[in-house]
Amino acid sequence: MPLYDFLCADCGHLAEVLVFSERTTIHCARCGSGNVKKLMSAHSSLSGTASGAMPGPGDTACCGSSPGHAGCAGPGSCCGKA
């Protein structure tokens, strides 16, 4: 069951969705539209030494900032870099 990023073409909402089957119909959680586009997403990884079992302060994300940094573009993104 993979996770995919979807962008709603109608309202612009970006969501990460767990897809159970290829036959699953995806609708926007915000506006209910079926006009959604599956996006390429970057996998999660750390480029620094983890300070514990989970990412936290001092660990780095793919863009070199801390996980959850306000400069990142959203789920599955690499700070908006393509």
N, C-alpha and C. Protein backbone atom coordinates (compact mmCIF):
# COMPACT_ATOMS: atom_id res chain seq x y z
N MET A 1 0.84 -1.17 0.00
CA MET A 1 0.00 0.00 0.00
C MET A 1 0.89 1.24 0.00
N PRO A 2 1.11 1.80 -1.16
CA PRO A 2 1.99 2.96 -1.25
C PRO A 2 1.30 4.27 -0.90
N LEU A 3 2.12 5.23 -0.49
CA LEU A 3 1.66 6.60 -0.27
C LEU A 3 1.96 7.40 -1.53
N TYR A 4 1.00 8.21 -1.96
CA TYR A 4 1.20 9.09 -3.10
C TYR A 4 0.82 10.50 -2.71
N ASP A 5 1.43 11.48 -3.37
CA ASP A 5 1.05 12.87 -3.21
C ASP A 5 0.08 13.21 -4.34
N PHE A 6 -1.00 13.90 -4.00
CA PHE A 6 -1.99 14.33 -4.98
C PHE A 6 -2.22 15.82 -4.84
N LEU A 7 -2.38 16.48 -5.99
CA LEU A 7 -2.68 17.90 -6.03
C LEU A 7 -4.05 18.07 -6.68
N CYS A 8 -4.96 18.79 -6.00
CA CYS A 8 -6.28 19.05 -6.54
C CYS A 8 -6.17 20.20 -7.53
N ALA A 9 -6.59 19.96 -8.76
CA ALA A 9 -6.54 20.98 -9.81
C ALA A 9 -7.60 22.05 -9.59
N ASP A 10 -8.61 21.77 -8.79
CA ASP A 10 -9.69 22.74 -8.57
C ASP A 10 -9.40 23.71 -7.43
N CYS A 11 -8.90 23.22 -6.30
CA CYS A 11 -8.68 24.12 -5.16
C CYS A 11 -7.21 24.26 -4.76
N GLY A 12 -6.32 23.45 -5.36
CA GLY A 12 -4.89 23.56 -5.07
C GLY A 12 -4.43 22.83 -3.82
N HIS A 13 -5.32 22.08 -3.18
CA HIS A 13 -4.96 21.34 -1.96
C HIS A 13 -3.97 20.22 -2.29
N LEU A 14 -2.91 20.12 -1.49
CA LEU A 14 -1.91 19.07 -1.64
C LEU A 14 -2.10 18.07 -0.51
N ALA A 15 -2.19 16.79 -0.86
CA ALA A 15 -2.44 15.77 0.15
C ALA A 15 -1.62 14.53 -0.12
N GLU A 16 -1.27 13.84 0.95
CA GLU A 16 -0.59 12.56 0.88
C GLU A 16 -1.65 11.50 1.16
N VAL A 17 -1.80 10.54 0.24
CA VAL A 17 -2.88 9.57 0.34
C VAL A 17 -2.33 8.15 0.30
N LEU A 18 -2.79 7.31 1.21
CA LEU A 18 -2.46 5.89 1.22
C LEU A 18 -3.41 5.20 0.24
N VAL A 19 -2.86 4.61 -0.82
CA VAL A 19 -3.68 4.00 -1.87
C VAL A 19 -3.71 2.49 -1.66
N PHE A 20 -4.89 1.95 -1.44
CA PHE A 20 -5.04 0.53 -1.14
C PHE A 20 -5.09 -0.34 -2.39
N SER A 21 -5.53 0.21 -3.52
CA SER A 21 -5.69 -0.56 -4.74
C SER A 21 -5.59 0.37 -5.95
N GLU A 22 -5.22 -0.19 -7.10
CA GLU A 22 -5.18 0.61 -8.33
C GLU A 22 -6.57 1.09 -8.72
N ARG A 23 -7.59 0.42 -8.23
CA ARG A 23 -8.97 0.79 -8.56
C ARG A 23 -9.51 1.87 -7.62
N THR A 24 -8.72 2.30 -6.64
CA THR A 24 -9.16 3.33 -5.70
C THR A 24 -9.38 4.65 -6.43
N THR A 25 -10.52 5.26 -6.21
CA THR A 25 -10.82 6.57 -6.77
C THR A 25 -10.44 7.62 -5.74
N ILE A 26 -9.62 8.57 -6.15
CA ILE A 26 -9.14 9.60 -5.23
C ILE A 26 -9.96 10.87 -5.42
N HIS A 27 -10.39 11.44 -4.30
CA HIS A 27 -11.10 12.72 -4.29
C HIS A 27 -10.38 13.66 -3.32
N CYS A 28 -10.44 14.93 -3.61
CA CYS A 28 -9.83 15.94 -2.74
C CYS A 28 -10.53 15.95 -1.39
N ALA A 29 -9.75 15.92 -0.32
CA ALA A 29 -10.32 15.94 1.03
C ALA A 29 -10.90 17.30 1.38
N ARG A 30 -10.43 18.35 0.72
CA ARG A 30 -10.91 19.71 1.03
C ARG A 30 -12.20 20.04 0.28
N CYS A 31 -12.22 19.83 -1.06
CA CYS A 31 -13.38 20.27 -1.84
C CYS A 31 -14.20 19.11 -2.43
N GLY A 32 -13.69 17.88 -2.36
CA GLY A 32 -14.41 16.72 -2.86
C GLY A 32 -14.26 16.45 -4.35
N SER A 33 -13.49 17.28 -5.04
CA SER A 33 -13.31 17.12 -6.48
C SER A 33 -12.54 15.85 -6.81
N GLY A 34 -12.86 15.25 -7.94
CA GLY A 34 -12.12 14.10 -8.44
C GLY A 34 -11.04 14.52 -9.42
N ASN A 35 -10.88 15.82 -9.61
CA ASN A 35 -9.90 16.38 -10.55
C ASN A 35 -8.55 16.53 -9.84
N VAL A 36 -7.90 15.40 -9.57
CA VAL A 36 -6.63 15.38 -8.84
C VAL A 36 -5.53 14.80 -9.71
N LYS A 37 -4.31 15.24 -9.46
CA LYS A 37 -3.15 14.79 -10.23
C LYS A 37 -2.15 14.15 -9.27
N LYS A 38 -1.70 12.93 -9.63
CA LYS A 38 -0.68 12.25 -8.82
C LYS A 38 0.66 12.90 -9.12
N LEU A 39 1.40 13.23 -8.07
CA LEU A 39 2.69 13.91 -8.20
C LEU A 39 3.84 12.95 -7.92
N MET A 40 4.99 13.28 -8.46
CA MET A 40 6.21 12.58 -8.11
C MET A 40 6.59 13.06 -6.71
N SER A 41 6.99 12.18 -5.84
CA SER A 41 7.36 12.60 -4.50
C SER A 41 8.72 12.04 -4.14
N ALA A 42 9.44 12.83 -3.37
CA ALA A 42 10.76 12.41 -2.89
C ALA A 42 10.57 11.51 -1.68
N HIS A 43 11.37 10.49 -1.58
CA HIS A 43 11.31 9.63 -0.40
C HIS A 43 11.93 10.37 0.78
N SER A 44 11.59 9.96 1.95
CA SER A 44 12.11 10.58 3.16
C SER A 44 13.47 9.99 3.49
N SER A 45 14.43 10.86 3.77
CA SER A 45 15.74 10.37 4.19
C SER A 45 16.44 11.44 5.01
N LEU A 46 17.39 11.04 5.78
CA LEU A 46 18.18 11.97 6.56
C LEU A 46 19.56 12.07 5.94
N SER A 47 20.11 13.27 5.92
CA SER A 47 21.47 13.42 5.39
C SER A 47 22.48 13.64 6.51
N GLY A 48 21.98 13.77 7.73
CA GLY A 48 22.86 13.94 8.87
C GLY A 48 22.75 12.75 9.81
N THR A 49 23.46 12.81 10.88
CA THR A 49 23.40 11.75 11.88
C THR A 49 22.15 11.94 12.74
N ALA A 50 21.34 10.93 12.84
CA ALA A 50 20.12 11.01 13.64
C ALA A 50 20.47 11.08 15.12
N SER A 51 19.77 11.98 15.83
CA SER A 51 20.02 12.10 17.26
C SER A 51 19.18 11.12 18.07
N GLY A 52 18.29 10.40 17.41
CA GLY A 52 17.44 9.43 18.07
C GLY A 52 16.77 8.56 17.03
N ALA A 53 15.74 7.84 17.42
CA ALA A 53 15.05 6.96 16.48
C ALA A 53 14.20 7.74 15.47
N MET A 54 13.77 8.94 15.85
CA MET A 54 12.94 9.75 14.96
C MET A 54 13.70 11.03 14.61
N PRO A 55 13.44 11.62 13.41
CA PRO A 55 14.08 12.89 13.06
C PRO A 55 13.71 13.96 14.08
N GLY A 56 14.62 14.84 14.33
CA GLY A 56 14.37 15.90 15.29
C GLY A 56 15.35 17.04 15.12
N PRO A 57 15.42 17.94 16.08
CA PRO A 57 16.34 19.07 15.98
C PRO A 57 17.77 18.59 15.78
N GLY A 58 18.48 19.20 14.86
CA GLY A 58 19.85 18.81 14.59
C GLY A 58 19.98 17.84 13.43
N ASP A 59 18.90 17.12 13.10
CA ASP A 59 18.92 16.25 11.92
C ASP A 59 18.66 17.13 10.71
N THR A 60 19.04 16.68 9.53
CA THR A 60 18.80 17.48 8.34
C THR A 60 17.91 16.75 7.35
N ALA A 61 17.16 17.52 6.59
CA ALA A 61 16.30 16.98 5.55
C ALA A 61 17.05 17.06 4.22
N CYS A 62 16.40 16.68 3.13
CA CYS A 62 17.07 16.63 1.83
C CYS A 62 17.56 18.01 1.39
N CYS A 63 16.94 19.08 1.87
CA CYS A 63 17.35 20.42 1.45
C CYS A 63 18.35 21.03 2.44
N GLY A 64 18.76 20.28 3.45
CA GLY A 64 19.75 20.75 4.39
C GLY A 64 19.18 21.51 5.57
N SER A 65 17.85 21.69 5.60
CA SER A 65 17.24 22.36 6.74
C SER A 65 16.70 21.31 7.71
N SER A 66 16.23 21.75 8.84
CA SER A 66 15.67 20.82 9.82
C SER A 66 14.34 20.27 9.32
N PRO A 67 13.99 19.02 9.67
CA PRO A 67 12.69 18.50 9.30
C PRO A 67 11.58 19.40 9.81
N GLY A 68 10.59 19.67 8.98
CA GLY A 68 9.49 20.53 9.38
C GLY A 68 9.79 22.00 9.20
N HIS A 69 10.94 22.34 8.65
CA HIS A 69 11.32 23.74 8.44
C HIS A 69 10.27 24.43 7.59
N ALA A 70 9.91 25.66 7.92
CA ALA A 70 8.86 26.41 7.23
C ALA A 70 9.17 26.62 5.75
N GLY A 71 10.43 26.53 5.34
CA GLY A 71 10.78 26.75 3.95
C GLY A 71 10.45 25.59 3.04
N CYS A 72 10.13 24.41 3.61
CA CYS A 72 9.81 23.27 2.77
C CYS A 72 8.40 23.41 2.22
N ALA A 73 8.19 22.90 1.00
CA ALA A 73 6.94 23.13 0.27
C ALA A 73 5.79 22.24 0.70
N GLY A 74 6.02 21.15 1.39
CA GLY A 74 4.91 20.30 1.82
C GLY A 74 5.26 18.84 1.77
N PRO A 75 4.26 17.97 1.96
CA PRO A 75 4.49 16.54 2.01
C PRO A 75 5.19 16.03 0.74
N GLY A 76 6.25 15.26 0.92
CA GLY A 76 6.92 14.65 -0.20
C GLY A 76 7.80 15.58 -1.01
N SER A 77 7.86 16.85 -0.60
CA SER A 77 8.63 17.80 -1.39
C SER A 77 10.08 17.84 -0.92
N CYS A 78 10.90 18.40 -1.71
CA CYS A 78 12.28 18.66 -1.32
C CYS A 78 12.47 20.17 -1.38
N CYS A 79 11.73 20.84 -0.52
CA CYS A 79 11.74 22.30 -0.42
C CYS A 79 11.39 22.95 -1.75
N GLY A 80 10.52 22.31 -2.51
CA GLY A 80 10.04 22.86 -3.76
C GLY A 80 10.99 22.69 -4.92
N LYS A 81 12.12 22.00 -4.69
CA LYS A 81 13.10 21.79 -5.77
C LYS A 81 12.66 20.60 -6.62
N ALA A 82 12.74 20.75 -7.91
CA ALA A 82 12.35 19.66 -8.81
C ALA A 82 13.53 18.79 -9.15
